[in-house]
Amino acid sequence: MIQNTSQNIQSTKDFPYSVHGRFGRLSYLAWLFITSVLYSCALVVVTLLGLITVATYNGEAVGIQDYIGTGLGVITLIALIIVIIGAAVLSIIVSIRRLHDLNKSGWLCLLFLLPIVNIIFGFYLMLAPGTQATNNYGPVRITEQTEKLIGILYCIFLATIFVLYIGALTFSAALMTQYNDLQQNGLTENSIQLDQSSIENDVPASEPTI
């Protein structure tokens, strides 16, 4: 019995950015967050280094056109593209491992290319429970305590952003409706005033009595 249990559980001592293995929901959220942090840090570093280097090279601060026109600016731009592609690849790898936990093929990540479908697919990866035993892609992977903490915090962060976004949309829609109502009421009042003015102008003046 102990042997079967050990066969159904995978150690966390594996390379997270490998397409082999599985990720539970909290591990998936944790490594998505870590990937986002790495991407943001690399993006800031590359951008700042490029701007500082170009400004120092020219002896003064330069505009965006001068920045792109220099050799160092092109190198920085290439580095920026590499960082963006690298972050996308790491995110895909993390998603593939999550699909493996659901006993699904990693090729389903192509659904991220479809508008609207990618949103639904993203929620599916975050919410769907994985298989409880060994599946076609290996045994269950233990979620570390650090991954649980980061995953929960990231989940709370995403939920907060989602609620704020929905609230902003609702508030904007309410303001737009109120603005349209006020505009419609203003047009109605102007129309009534114009009608009254035209009626007064059409009424002939009464003749004086003798």
N, C-alpha and C. Protein backbone atom coordinates (compact mmCIF):
# COMPACT_ATOMS: atom_id res chain seq x y z
N MET A 1 0.84 -1.20 0.00
CA MET A 1 0.00 0.00 0.00
C MET A 1 0.87 1.25 0.00
N ILE A 2 1.95 1.25 0.81
CA ILE A 2 2.87 2.37 0.85
C ILE A 2 3.56 2.55 -0.49
N GLN A 3 3.85 1.45 -1.14
CA GLN A 3 4.51 1.51 -2.44
C GLN A 3 3.61 2.19 -3.47
N ASN A 4 2.32 1.87 -3.45
CA ASN A 4 1.40 2.49 -4.40
C ASN A 4 1.28 3.99 -4.15
N THR A 5 1.29 4.38 -2.84
CA THR A 5 1.19 5.80 -2.52
C THR A 5 2.40 6.55 -3.03
N SER A 6 3.59 5.99 -2.85
CA SER A 6 4.80 6.65 -3.31
C SER A 6 4.84 6.75 -4.82
N GLN A 7 4.25 5.79 -5.50
CA GLN A 7 4.24 5.83 -6.95
C GLN A 7 3.28 6.88 -7.48
N ASN A 8 2.27 7.25 -6.67
CA ASN A 8 1.28 8.22 -7.10
C ASN A 8 1.63 9.64 -6.71
N ILE A 9 2.78 9.84 -6.06
CA ILE A 9 3.18 11.17 -5.62
C ILE A 9 4.54 11.49 -6.20
N GLN A 10 4.64 12.68 -6.80
CA GLN A 10 5.89 13.13 -7.41
C GLN A 10 6.57 14.13 -6.49
N SER A 11 7.86 14.02 -6.32
CA SER A 11 8.60 14.97 -5.51
C SER A 11 8.61 16.33 -6.19
N THR A 12 8.68 17.40 -5.36
CA THR A 12 8.75 18.75 -5.90
C THR A 12 10.16 19.12 -6.34
N LYS A 13 11.12 18.21 -6.13
CA LYS A 13 12.50 18.49 -6.52
C LYS A 13 12.69 18.25 -8.02
N ASP A 14 11.93 18.97 -8.81
CA ASP A 14 12.08 18.91 -10.26
C ASP A 14 12.23 20.34 -10.76
N PHE A 15 12.67 20.49 -12.00
CA PHE A 15 12.84 21.82 -12.56
C PHE A 15 11.48 22.36 -12.95
N PRO A 16 11.03 23.46 -12.34
CA PRO A 16 9.67 23.95 -12.60
C PRO A 16 9.42 24.31 -14.06
N TYR A 17 10.44 24.85 -14.73
CA TYR A 17 10.27 25.26 -16.12
C TYR A 17 10.64 24.14 -17.08
N SER A 18 10.11 22.96 -16.79
CA SER A 18 10.26 21.80 -17.68
C SER A 18 8.87 21.35 -18.10
N VAL A 19 8.74 20.94 -19.35
CA VAL A 19 7.43 20.52 -19.84
C VAL A 19 7.03 19.16 -19.29
N HIS A 20 7.95 18.49 -18.60
CA HIS A 20 7.65 17.18 -18.02
C HIS A 20 7.18 17.37 -16.59
N GLY A 21 6.13 16.66 -16.23
CA GLY A 21 5.61 16.75 -14.88
C GLY A 21 4.28 17.48 -14.83
N ARG A 22 3.80 17.68 -13.60
CA ARG A 22 2.47 18.25 -13.40
C ARG A 22 2.53 19.42 -12.42
N PHE A 23 1.52 20.28 -12.52
CA PHE A 23 1.34 21.39 -11.59
C PHE A 23 -0.10 21.41 -11.11
N GLY A 24 -0.30 21.42 -9.79
CA GLY A 24 -1.63 21.63 -9.25
C GLY A 24 -2.04 23.09 -9.41
N ARG A 25 -3.22 23.42 -8.94
CA ARG A 25 -3.75 24.77 -9.13
C ARG A 25 -2.89 25.83 -8.44
N LEU A 26 -2.54 25.60 -7.19
CA LEU A 26 -1.76 26.60 -6.47
C LEU A 26 -0.33 26.68 -6.99
N SER A 27 0.25 25.55 -7.38
CA SER A 27 1.59 25.57 -7.98
C SER A 27 1.56 26.34 -9.30
N TYR A 28 0.51 26.13 -10.07
CA TYR A 28 0.34 26.84 -11.34
C TYR A 28 0.27 28.34 -11.12
N LEU A 29 -0.56 28.78 -10.17
CA LEU A 29 -0.69 30.20 -9.89
C LEU A 29 0.62 30.78 -9.35
N ALA A 30 1.30 30.01 -8.50
CA ALA A 30 2.55 30.48 -7.92
C ALA A 30 3.61 30.72 -8.99
N TRP A 31 3.74 29.78 -9.91
CA TRP A 31 4.78 29.92 -10.93
C TRP A 31 4.37 30.90 -12.03
N LEU A 32 3.09 31.11 -12.22
CA LEU A 32 2.66 32.20 -13.10
C LEU A 32 3.07 33.54 -12.50
N PHE A 33 2.89 33.67 -11.19
CA PHE A 33 3.28 34.91 -10.52
C PHE A 33 4.79 35.11 -10.58
N ILE A 34 5.54 34.05 -10.30
CA ILE A 34 7.01 34.15 -10.35
C ILE A 34 7.47 34.53 -11.75
N THR A 35 6.83 33.95 -12.77
CA THR A 35 7.17 34.30 -14.15
C THR A 35 6.87 35.76 -14.44
N SER A 36 5.76 36.25 -13.93
CA SER A 36 5.40 37.65 -14.13
C SER A 36 6.40 38.58 -13.47
N VAL A 37 6.85 38.21 -12.27
CA VAL A 37 7.84 39.02 -11.56
C VAL A 37 9.17 39.03 -12.31
N LEU A 38 9.61 37.86 -12.76
CA LEU A 38 10.86 37.77 -13.53
C LEU A 38 10.77 38.60 -14.80
N TYR A 39 9.64 38.51 -15.47
CA TYR A 39 9.44 39.27 -16.71
C TYR A 39 9.47 40.77 -16.44
N SER A 40 8.79 41.20 -15.38
CA SER A 40 8.74 42.63 -15.06
C SER A 40 10.13 43.16 -14.70
N CYS A 41 10.86 42.40 -13.90
CA CYS A 41 12.21 42.82 -13.51
C CYS A 41 13.14 42.91 -14.71
N ALA A 42 13.10 41.89 -15.57
CA ALA A 42 13.94 41.89 -16.76
C ALA A 42 13.56 43.04 -17.69
N LEU A 43 12.27 43.30 -17.80
CA LEU A 43 11.80 44.38 -18.66
C LEU A 43 12.30 45.73 -18.17
N VAL A 44 12.22 45.95 -16.86
CA VAL A 44 12.69 47.21 -16.29
C VAL A 44 14.20 47.36 -16.45
N VAL A 45 14.94 46.29 -16.17
CA VAL A 45 16.40 46.34 -16.26
C VAL A 45 16.85 46.63 -17.68
N VAL A 46 16.30 45.91 -18.66
CA VAL A 46 16.69 46.10 -20.05
C VAL A 46 16.34 47.51 -20.52
N THR A 47 15.17 47.98 -20.17
CA THR A 47 14.76 49.31 -20.60
C THR A 47 15.63 50.39 -19.98
N LEU A 48 15.88 50.31 -18.67
CA LEU A 48 16.71 51.31 -18.00
C LEU A 48 18.14 51.29 -18.51
N LEU A 49 18.69 50.10 -18.68
CA LEU A 49 20.06 50.00 -19.18
C LEU A 49 20.17 50.59 -20.58
N GLY A 50 19.18 50.31 -21.42
CA GLY A 50 19.19 50.85 -22.77
C GLY A 50 19.12 52.36 -22.78
N LEU A 51 18.23 52.93 -21.97
CA LEU A 51 18.08 54.38 -21.92
C LEU A 51 19.32 55.05 -21.35
N ILE A 52 19.86 54.48 -20.27
CA ILE A 52 21.05 55.06 -19.66
C ILE A 52 22.24 54.97 -20.60
N THR A 53 22.41 53.83 -21.25
CA THR A 53 23.54 53.64 -22.16
C THR A 53 23.47 54.60 -23.34
N VAL A 54 22.31 54.74 -23.94
CA VAL A 54 22.16 55.63 -25.10
C VAL A 54 22.35 57.07 -24.68
N ALA A 55 21.80 57.46 -23.52
CA ALA A 55 21.95 58.84 -23.05
C ALA A 55 23.42 59.15 -22.77
N THR A 56 24.14 58.20 -22.18
CA THR A 56 25.56 58.40 -21.90
C THR A 56 26.37 58.43 -23.19
N TYR A 57 26.02 57.60 -24.15
CA TYR A 57 26.75 57.52 -25.41
C TYR A 57 26.67 58.82 -26.19
N ASN A 58 25.51 59.45 -26.15
CA ASN A 58 25.32 60.69 -26.90
C ASN A 58 25.65 61.93 -26.08
N GLY A 59 25.92 61.75 -24.81
CA GLY A 59 26.27 62.90 -24.00
C GLY A 59 25.08 63.68 -23.49
N GLU A 60 23.89 63.32 -23.88
CA GLU A 60 22.69 64.01 -23.43
C GLU A 60 21.49 63.08 -23.57
N ALA A 61 20.41 63.48 -22.92
CA ALA A 61 19.19 62.69 -23.03
C ALA A 61 18.69 62.75 -24.47
N VAL A 62 18.19 61.63 -24.96
CA VAL A 62 17.76 61.55 -26.36
C VAL A 62 16.28 61.21 -26.43
N GLY A 63 15.68 61.54 -27.56
CA GLY A 63 14.29 61.19 -27.79
C GLY A 63 14.16 59.77 -28.28
N ILE A 64 12.93 59.34 -28.46
CA ILE A 64 12.68 57.96 -28.85
C ILE A 64 13.21 57.65 -30.24
N GLN A 65 13.13 58.63 -31.15
CA GLN A 65 13.63 58.41 -32.51
C GLN A 65 15.15 58.26 -32.51
N ASP A 66 15.84 59.11 -31.74
CA ASP A 66 17.30 58.98 -31.63
C ASP A 66 17.69 57.68 -30.96
N TYR A 67 16.87 57.27 -29.99
CA TYR A 67 17.15 56.04 -29.25
C TYR A 67 17.10 54.83 -30.17
N ILE A 68 16.06 54.76 -30.99
CA ILE A 68 15.91 53.63 -31.91
C ILE A 68 16.96 53.69 -33.02
N GLY A 69 17.37 54.90 -33.38
CA GLY A 69 18.31 55.04 -34.49
C GLY A 69 19.74 54.67 -34.17
N THR A 70 20.09 54.48 -32.92
CA THR A 70 21.46 54.12 -32.56
C THR A 70 21.65 52.61 -32.52
N GLY A 71 22.90 52.18 -32.63
CA GLY A 71 23.19 50.75 -32.57
C GLY A 71 22.85 50.15 -31.22
N LEU A 72 23.16 50.88 -30.15
CA LEU A 72 22.86 50.38 -28.82
C LEU A 72 21.35 50.31 -28.59
N GLY A 73 20.62 51.24 -29.21
CA GLY A 73 19.17 51.19 -29.10
C GLY A 73 18.60 49.95 -29.76
N VAL A 74 19.17 49.58 -30.90
CA VAL A 74 18.72 48.37 -31.59
C VAL A 74 19.02 47.13 -30.75
N ILE A 75 20.21 47.12 -30.14
CA ILE A 75 20.58 45.99 -29.27
C ILE A 75 19.60 45.88 -28.10
N THR A 76 19.27 47.02 -27.52
CA THR A 76 18.32 47.02 -26.41
C THR A 76 16.95 46.53 -26.86
N LEU A 77 16.55 46.95 -28.05
CA LEU A 77 15.26 46.52 -28.58
C LEU A 77 15.23 45.01 -28.80
N ILE A 78 16.34 44.46 -29.31
CA ILE A 78 16.44 43.02 -29.51
C ILE A 78 16.37 42.29 -28.17
N ALA A 79 17.08 42.83 -27.17
CA ALA A 79 17.05 42.23 -25.83
C ALA A 79 15.64 42.27 -25.26
N LEU A 80 14.93 43.35 -25.54
CA LEU A 80 13.56 43.49 -25.08
C LEU A 80 12.66 42.42 -25.69
N ILE A 81 12.84 42.19 -26.98
CA ILE A 81 12.05 41.16 -27.68
C ILE A 81 12.36 39.77 -27.11
N ILE A 82 13.65 39.53 -26.82
CA ILE A 82 14.04 38.24 -26.25
C ILE A 82 13.38 38.03 -24.88
N VAL A 83 13.34 39.09 -24.08
CA VAL A 83 12.71 39.00 -22.76
C VAL A 83 11.22 38.69 -22.89
N ILE A 84 10.55 39.36 -23.83
CA ILE A 84 9.12 39.14 -24.02
C ILE A 84 8.85 37.71 -24.49
N ILE A 85 9.63 37.25 -25.47
CA ILE A 85 9.46 35.88 -25.96
C ILE A 85 9.77 34.87 -24.87
N GLY A 86 10.84 35.13 -24.10
CA GLY A 86 11.20 34.23 -23.01
C GLY A 86 10.10 34.10 -21.97
N ALA A 87 9.48 35.23 -21.61
CA ALA A 87 8.39 35.19 -20.64
C ALA A 87 7.19 34.43 -21.18
N ALA A 88 6.91 34.61 -22.48
CA ALA A 88 5.80 33.88 -23.10
C ALA A 88 6.06 32.38 -23.09
N VAL A 89 7.30 31.98 -23.39
CA VAL A 89 7.65 30.56 -23.41
C VAL A 89 7.52 29.95 -22.02
N LEU A 90 8.02 30.67 -21.00
CA LEU A 90 7.92 30.16 -19.63
C LEU A 90 6.46 30.03 -19.19
N SER A 91 5.64 31.00 -19.58
CA SER A 91 4.21 30.92 -19.23
C SER A 91 3.54 29.73 -19.90
N ILE A 92 3.93 29.46 -21.14
CA ILE A 92 3.37 28.31 -21.85
C ILE A 92 3.80 27.00 -21.19
N ILE A 93 5.06 26.93 -20.76
CA ILE A 93 5.56 25.72 -20.09
C ILE A 93 4.78 25.46 -18.81
N VAL A 94 4.55 26.52 -18.03
CA VAL A 94 3.78 26.38 -16.80
C VAL A 94 2.36 25.90 -17.11
N SER A 95 1.77 26.44 -18.17
CA SER A 95 0.41 26.04 -18.56
C SER A 95 0.38 24.59 -19.04
N ILE A 96 1.44 24.16 -19.73
CA ILE A 96 1.51 22.77 -20.18
C ILE A 96 1.53 21.82 -18.98
N ARG A 97 2.29 22.16 -17.97
CA ARG A 97 2.34 21.32 -16.77
C ARG A 97 0.99 21.28 -16.07
N ARG A 98 0.27 22.39 -16.12
CA ARG A 98 -1.08 22.40 -15.52
C ARG A 98 -2.02 21.52 -16.32
N LEU A 99 -1.90 21.54 -17.64
CA LEU A 99 -2.71 20.66 -18.48
C LEU A 99 -2.38 19.20 -18.22
N HIS A 100 -1.12 18.91 -17.98
CA HIS A 100 -0.73 17.54 -17.65
C HIS A 100 -1.41 17.08 -16.36
N ASP A 101 -1.56 18.00 -15.40
CA ASP A 101 -2.24 17.65 -14.15
C ASP A 101 -3.71 17.31 -14.40
N LEU A 102 -4.26 17.90 -15.46
CA LEU A 102 -5.65 17.61 -15.85
C LEU A 102 -5.75 16.44 -16.81
N ASN A 103 -4.58 15.80 -17.07
CA ASN A 103 -4.50 14.68 -18.01
C ASN A 103 -4.89 15.11 -19.43
N LYS A 104 -4.48 16.35 -19.77
CA LYS A 104 -4.74 16.89 -21.10
C LYS A 104 -3.42 17.16 -21.81
N SER A 105 -3.49 17.21 -23.14
CA SER A 105 -2.30 17.48 -23.94
C SER A 105 -1.90 18.95 -23.84
N GLY A 106 -0.59 19.18 -23.84
CA GLY A 106 -0.09 20.54 -23.80
C GLY A 106 -0.41 21.35 -25.03
N TRP A 107 -0.77 20.69 -26.11
CA TRP A 107 -1.13 21.39 -27.35
C TRP A 107 -2.39 22.24 -27.17
N LEU A 108 -3.14 21.99 -26.12
CA LEU A 108 -4.33 22.80 -25.86
C LEU A 108 -3.98 24.25 -25.54
N CYS A 109 -2.70 24.52 -25.27
CA CYS A 109 -2.26 25.90 -25.05
C CYS A 109 -2.50 26.78 -26.27
N LEU A 110 -2.68 26.17 -27.43
CA LEU A 110 -2.99 26.94 -28.63
C LEU A 110 -4.32 27.67 -28.50
N LEU A 111 -5.15 27.25 -27.56
CA LEU A 111 -6.43 27.94 -27.33
C LEU A 111 -6.22 29.36 -26.84
N PHE A 112 -5.04 29.65 -26.29
CA PHE A 112 -4.74 31.01 -25.86
C PHE A 112 -4.70 31.98 -27.03
N LEU A 113 -4.58 31.48 -28.24
CA LEU A 113 -4.53 32.34 -29.43
C LEU A 113 -5.92 32.79 -29.87
N LEU A 114 -6.97 32.18 -29.33
CA LEU A 114 -8.33 32.49 -29.75
C LEU A 114 -8.95 33.52 -28.81
N PRO A 115 -9.44 34.65 -29.35
CA PRO A 115 -10.08 35.66 -28.50
C PRO A 115 -11.29 35.07 -27.77
N ILE A 116 -11.53 35.56 -26.59
CA ILE A 116 -12.64 35.16 -25.71
C ILE A 116 -12.43 33.72 -25.20
N VAL A 117 -12.11 32.80 -26.12
CA VAL A 117 -11.84 31.42 -25.71
C VAL A 117 -10.66 31.38 -24.74
N ASN A 118 -9.65 32.24 -24.98
CA ASN A 118 -8.47 32.23 -24.12
C ASN A 118 -8.81 32.64 -22.68
N ILE A 119 -9.81 33.52 -22.52
CA ILE A 119 -10.22 33.91 -21.17
C ILE A 119 -10.86 32.74 -20.44
N ILE A 120 -11.79 32.07 -21.13
CA ILE A 120 -12.46 30.91 -20.55
C ILE A 120 -11.44 29.81 -20.24
N PHE A 121 -10.51 29.60 -21.16
CA PHE A 121 -9.48 28.58 -20.98
C PHE A 121 -8.58 28.91 -19.79
N GLY A 122 -8.27 30.20 -19.61
CA GLY A 122 -7.46 30.61 -18.46
C GLY A 122 -8.14 30.32 -17.14
N PHE A 123 -9.45 30.60 -17.06
CA PHE A 123 -10.21 30.27 -15.85
C PHE A 123 -10.25 28.76 -15.63
N TYR A 124 -10.34 28.01 -16.71
CA TYR A 124 -10.36 26.54 -16.60
C TYR A 124 -9.06 26.03 -15.98
N LEU A 125 -7.94 26.57 -16.42
CA LEU A 125 -6.65 26.13 -15.88
C LEU A 125 -6.52 26.49 -14.40
N MET A 126 -7.06 27.64 -14.01
CA MET A 126 -6.93 28.07 -12.62
C MET A 126 -7.88 27.35 -11.67
N LEU A 127 -9.04 26.92 -12.17
CA LEU A 127 -10.08 26.41 -11.28
C LEU A 127 -10.28 24.90 -11.34
N ALA A 128 -10.00 24.27 -12.47
CA ALA A 128 -10.32 22.85 -12.62
C ALA A 128 -9.40 21.99 -11.74
N PRO A 129 -9.96 21.05 -10.99
CA PRO A 129 -9.13 20.16 -10.16
C PRO A 129 -8.41 19.12 -11.03
N GLY A 130 -7.19 18.78 -10.65
CA GLY A 130 -6.43 17.79 -11.40
C GLY A 130 -6.82 16.37 -11.00
N THR A 131 -6.26 15.42 -11.71
CA THR A 131 -6.52 14.01 -11.38
C THR A 131 -5.84 13.67 -10.06
N GLN A 132 -6.48 12.86 -9.26
CA GLN A 132 -6.01 12.56 -7.91
C GLN A 132 -4.94 11.48 -7.86
N ALA A 133 -4.73 10.78 -8.95
CA ALA A 133 -3.75 9.69 -8.96
C ALA A 133 -2.85 9.85 -10.19
N THR A 134 -1.99 8.88 -10.39
CA THR A 134 -1.10 8.91 -11.55
C THR A 134 -1.92 8.89 -12.84
N ASN A 135 -1.56 9.79 -13.76
CA ASN A 135 -2.24 9.81 -15.05
C ASN A 135 -1.22 9.58 -16.16
N ASN A 136 -1.58 9.94 -17.38
CA ASN A 136 -0.69 9.69 -18.52
C ASN A 136 0.60 10.51 -18.47
N TYR A 137 0.64 11.53 -17.60
CA TYR A 137 1.79 12.42 -17.57
C TYR A 137 2.58 12.33 -16.27
N GLY A 138 2.29 11.32 -15.47
CA GLY A 138 3.08 11.09 -14.28
C GLY A 138 2.26 11.15 -13.00
N PRO A 139 2.94 10.97 -11.87
CA PRO A 139 2.25 10.98 -10.57
C PRO A 139 1.87 12.39 -10.13
N VAL A 140 1.07 12.46 -9.08
CA VAL A 140 0.67 13.75 -8.51
C VAL A 140 1.90 14.45 -7.93
N ARG A 141 2.02 15.73 -8.20
CA ARG A 141 3.14 16.51 -7.67
C ARG A 141 2.71 17.21 -6.38
N ILE A 142 3.54 17.07 -5.35
CA ILE A 142 3.25 17.72 -4.07
C ILE A 142 3.42 19.23 -4.22
N THR A 143 2.46 19.99 -3.71
CA THR A 143 2.55 21.45 -3.72
C THR A 143 3.28 21.91 -2.47
N GLU A 144 4.40 22.60 -2.64
CA GLU A 144 5.18 23.08 -1.50
C GLU A 144 4.42 24.17 -0.75
N GLN A 145 4.79 24.38 0.51
CA GLN A 145 4.14 25.41 1.32
C GLN A 145 4.35 26.80 0.73
N THR A 146 5.55 27.04 0.20
CA THR A 146 5.81 28.34 -0.42
C THR A 146 4.92 28.55 -1.64
N GLU A 147 4.76 27.50 -2.43
CA GLU A 147 3.88 27.60 -3.60
C GLU A 147 2.43 27.84 -3.18
N LYS A 148 2.02 27.19 -2.10
CA LYS A 148 0.65 27.40 -1.61
C LYS A 148 0.44 28.85 -1.20
N LEU A 149 1.41 29.41 -0.46
CA LEU A 149 1.29 30.79 0.01
C LEU A 149 1.25 31.77 -1.16
N ILE A 150 2.22 31.61 -2.08
CA ILE A 150 2.27 32.50 -3.24
C ILE A 150 1.02 32.34 -4.10
N GLY A 151 0.59 31.09 -4.29
CA GLY A 151 -0.59 30.84 -5.11
C GLY A 151 -1.84 31.47 -4.53
N ILE A 152 -2.02 31.36 -3.20
CA ILE A 152 -3.19 31.95 -2.54
C ILE A 152 -3.16 33.47 -2.65
N LEU A 153 -1.99 34.07 -2.39
CA LEU A 153 -1.87 35.52 -2.48
C LEU A 153 -2.13 36.01 -3.91
N TYR A 154 -1.61 35.27 -4.88
CA TYR A 154 -1.82 35.67 -6.27
C TYR A 154 -3.28 35.50 -6.67
N CYS A 155 -3.92 34.48 -6.14
CA CYS A 155 -5.34 34.26 -6.41
C CYS A 155 -6.17 35.41 -5.84
N ILE A 156 -5.84 35.85 -4.61
CA ILE A 156 -6.53 36.98 -4.00
C ILE A 156 -6.30 38.25 -4.83
N PHE A 157 -5.07 38.43 -5.29
CA PHE A 157 -4.75 39.60 -6.11
C PHE A 157 -5.56 39.60 -7.40
N LEU A 158 -5.61 38.46 -8.09
CA LEU A 158 -6.36 38.37 -9.34
C LEU A 158 -7.85 38.59 -9.11
N ALA A 159 -8.37 38.02 -8.00
CA ALA A 159 -9.79 38.21 -7.69
C ALA A 159 -10.10 39.67 -7.41
N THR A 160 -9.18 40.35 -6.71
CA THR A 160 -9.38 41.77 -6.43
C THR A 160 -9.38 42.59 -7.71
N ILE A 161 -8.42 42.31 -8.59
CA ILE A 161 -8.36 43.02 -9.87
C ILE A 161 -9.62 42.77 -10.68
N PHE A 162 -10.12 41.54 -10.66
CA PHE A 162 -11.32 41.20 -11.42
C PHE A 162 -12.54 41.96 -10.88
N VAL A 163 -12.66 42.00 -9.54
CA VAL A 163 -13.80 42.70 -8.93
C VAL A 163 -13.72 44.20 -9.22
N LEU A 164 -12.52 44.78 -9.12
CA LEU A 164 -12.35 46.20 -9.42
C LEU A 164 -12.66 46.49 -10.88
N TYR A 165 -12.28 45.59 -11.76
CA TYR A 165 -12.54 45.77 -13.19
C TYR A 165 -14.04 45.74 -13.47
N ILE A 166 -14.73 44.76 -12.89
CA ILE A 166 -16.18 44.67 -13.06
C ILE A 166 -16.86 45.90 -12.46
N GLY A 167 -16.38 46.33 -11.29
CA GLY A 167 -16.94 47.52 -10.66
C GLY A 167 -16.74 48.77 -11.51
N ALA A 168 -15.55 48.89 -12.11
CA ALA A 168 -15.29 50.04 -12.97
C ALA A 168 -16.18 50.03 -14.21
N LEU A 169 -16.38 48.85 -14.78
CA LEU A 169 -17.27 48.74 -15.94
C LEU A 169 -18.70 49.10 -15.57
N THR A 170 -19.15 48.60 -14.42
CA THR A 170 -20.52 48.90 -13.97
C THR A 170 -20.70 50.38 -13.70
N PHE A 171 -19.71 50.98 -13.03
CA PHE A 171 -19.77 52.42 -12.73
C PHE A 171 -19.76 53.24 -14.01
N SER A 172 -18.92 52.86 -14.97
CA SER A 172 -18.87 53.58 -16.25
C SER A 172 -20.18 53.47 -17.00
N ALA A 173 -20.77 52.26 -16.98
CA ALA A 173 -22.06 52.07 -17.66
C ALA A 173 -23.15 52.91 -17.00
N ALA A 174 -23.12 52.99 -15.65
CA ALA A 174 -24.12 53.80 -14.94
C ALA A 174 -23.96 55.28 -15.27
N LEU A 175 -22.70 55.75 -15.31
CA LEU A 175 -22.46 57.15 -15.67
C LEU A 175 -22.90 57.44 -17.09
N MET A 176 -22.63 56.52 -18.00
CA MET A 176 -23.03 56.71 -19.39
C MET A 176 -24.55 56.76 -19.52
N THR A 177 -25.23 55.88 -18.79
CA THR A 177 -26.70 55.89 -18.81
C THR A 177 -27.26 57.19 -18.25
N GLN A 178 -26.67 57.65 -17.14
CA GLN A 178 -27.12 58.90 -16.53
C GLN A 178 -26.87 60.08 -17.48
N TYR A 179 -25.72 60.08 -18.13
CA TYR A 179 -25.40 61.16 -19.07
C TYR A 179 -26.37 61.16 -20.24
N ASN A 180 -26.68 59.98 -20.76
CA ASN A 180 -27.64 59.89 -21.87
C ASN A 180 -29.03 60.36 -21.45
N ASP A 181 -29.42 60.01 -20.20
CA ASP A 181 -30.73 60.45 -19.71
C ASP A 181 -30.78 61.97 -19.58
N LEU A 182 -29.72 62.55 -19.01
CA LEU A 182 -29.68 64.01 -18.88
C LEU A 182 -29.69 64.68 -20.24
N GLN A 183 -28.94 64.12 -21.18
CA GLN A 183 -28.91 64.69 -22.53
C GLN A 183 -30.28 64.59 -23.19
N GLN A 184 -30.95 63.46 -22.99
CA GLN A 184 -32.28 63.27 -23.56
C GLN A 184 -33.29 64.23 -22.93
N ASN A 185 -33.19 64.41 -21.60
CA ASN A 185 -34.08 65.35 -20.92
C ASN A 185 -33.84 66.77 -21.39
N GLY A 186 -32.56 67.12 -21.61
CA GLY A 186 -32.26 68.46 -22.11
C GLY A 186 -32.82 68.69 -23.50
N LEU A 187 -32.71 67.67 -24.36
CA LEU A 187 -33.28 67.80 -25.70
C LEU A 187 -34.79 67.93 -25.65
N THR A 188 -35.41 67.19 -24.73
CA THR A 188 -36.88 67.26 -24.60
C THR A 188 -37.32 68.64 -24.13
N GLU A 189 -36.61 69.21 -23.13
CA GLU A 189 -36.96 70.54 -22.64
C GLU A 189 -36.77 71.59 -23.72
N ASN A 190 -35.68 71.48 -24.49
CA ASN A 190 -35.46 72.44 -25.58
C ASN A 190 -36.54 72.33 -26.63
N SER A 191 -36.97 71.09 -26.90
CA SER A 191 -38.03 70.90 -27.90
C SER A 191 -39.34 71.52 -27.43
N ILE A 192 -39.65 71.38 -26.13
CA ILE A 192 -40.88 71.96 -25.58
C ILE A 192 -40.83 73.48 -25.65
N GLN A 193 -39.67 74.04 -25.31
CA GLN A 193 -39.53 75.50 -25.36
C GLN A 193 -39.67 76.02 -26.78
N LEU A 194 -39.11 75.30 -27.74
CA LEU A 194 -39.23 75.72 -29.14
C LEU A 194 -40.68 75.65 -29.60
N ASP A 195 -41.38 74.60 -29.17
CA ASP A 195 -42.80 74.48 -29.55
C ASP A 195 -43.62 75.61 -28.96
N GLN A 196 -43.35 75.96 -27.70
CA GLN A 196 -44.08 77.05 -27.08
C GLN A 196 -43.79 78.38 -27.76
N SER A 197 -42.54 78.58 -28.15
CA SER A 197 -42.17 79.83 -28.83
C SER A 197 -42.85 79.93 -30.18
N SER A 198 -42.91 78.80 -30.91
CA SER A 198 -43.55 78.83 -32.22
C SER A 198 -45.04 79.07 -32.11
N ILE A 199 -45.66 78.53 -31.04
CA ILE A 199 -47.10 78.75 -30.83
C ILE A 199 -47.36 80.22 -30.53
N GLU A 200 -46.54 80.82 -29.68
CA GLU A 200 -46.72 82.23 -29.34
C GLU A 200 -46.53 83.12 -30.56
N ASN A 201 -45.60 82.76 -31.43
CA ASN A 201 -45.37 83.57 -32.63
C ASN A 201 -46.49 83.42 -33.64
N ASP A 202 -47.14 82.25 -33.65
CA ASP A 202 -48.22 82.02 -34.61
C ASP A 202 -49.52 82.67 -34.19
N VAL A 203 -49.73 82.96 -32.91
CA VAL A 203 -50.98 83.56 -32.43
C VAL A 203 -51.03 85.03 -32.84
N PRO A 204 -52.07 85.49 -33.62
CA PRO A 204 -52.14 86.90 -34.04
C PRO A 204 -52.45 87.81 -32.87
N ALA A 205 -51.95 89.02 -32.96
CA ALA A 205 -52.20 89.99 -31.89
C ALA A 205 -53.65 90.42 -31.91
N SER A 206 -54.30 90.55 -30.75
CA SER A 206 -55.72 90.93 -30.67
C SER A 206 -55.91 92.39 -31.05
N GLU A 207 -56.99 92.67 -31.80
CA GLU A 207 -57.27 94.04 -32.24
C GLU A 207 -57.74 94.88 -31.06
N PRO A 208 -57.35 96.12 -31.02
CA PRO A 208 -57.78 96.98 -29.90
C PRO A 208 -59.27 97.26 -29.98
N THR A 209 -59.95 97.30 -28.85
CA THR A 209 -61.39 97.57 -28.81
C THR A 209 -61.65 99.06 -28.92
N ILE A 210 -62.79 99.47 -29.60
CA ILE A 210 -63.15 100.88 -29.76
C ILE A 210 -64.06 101.28 -28.61
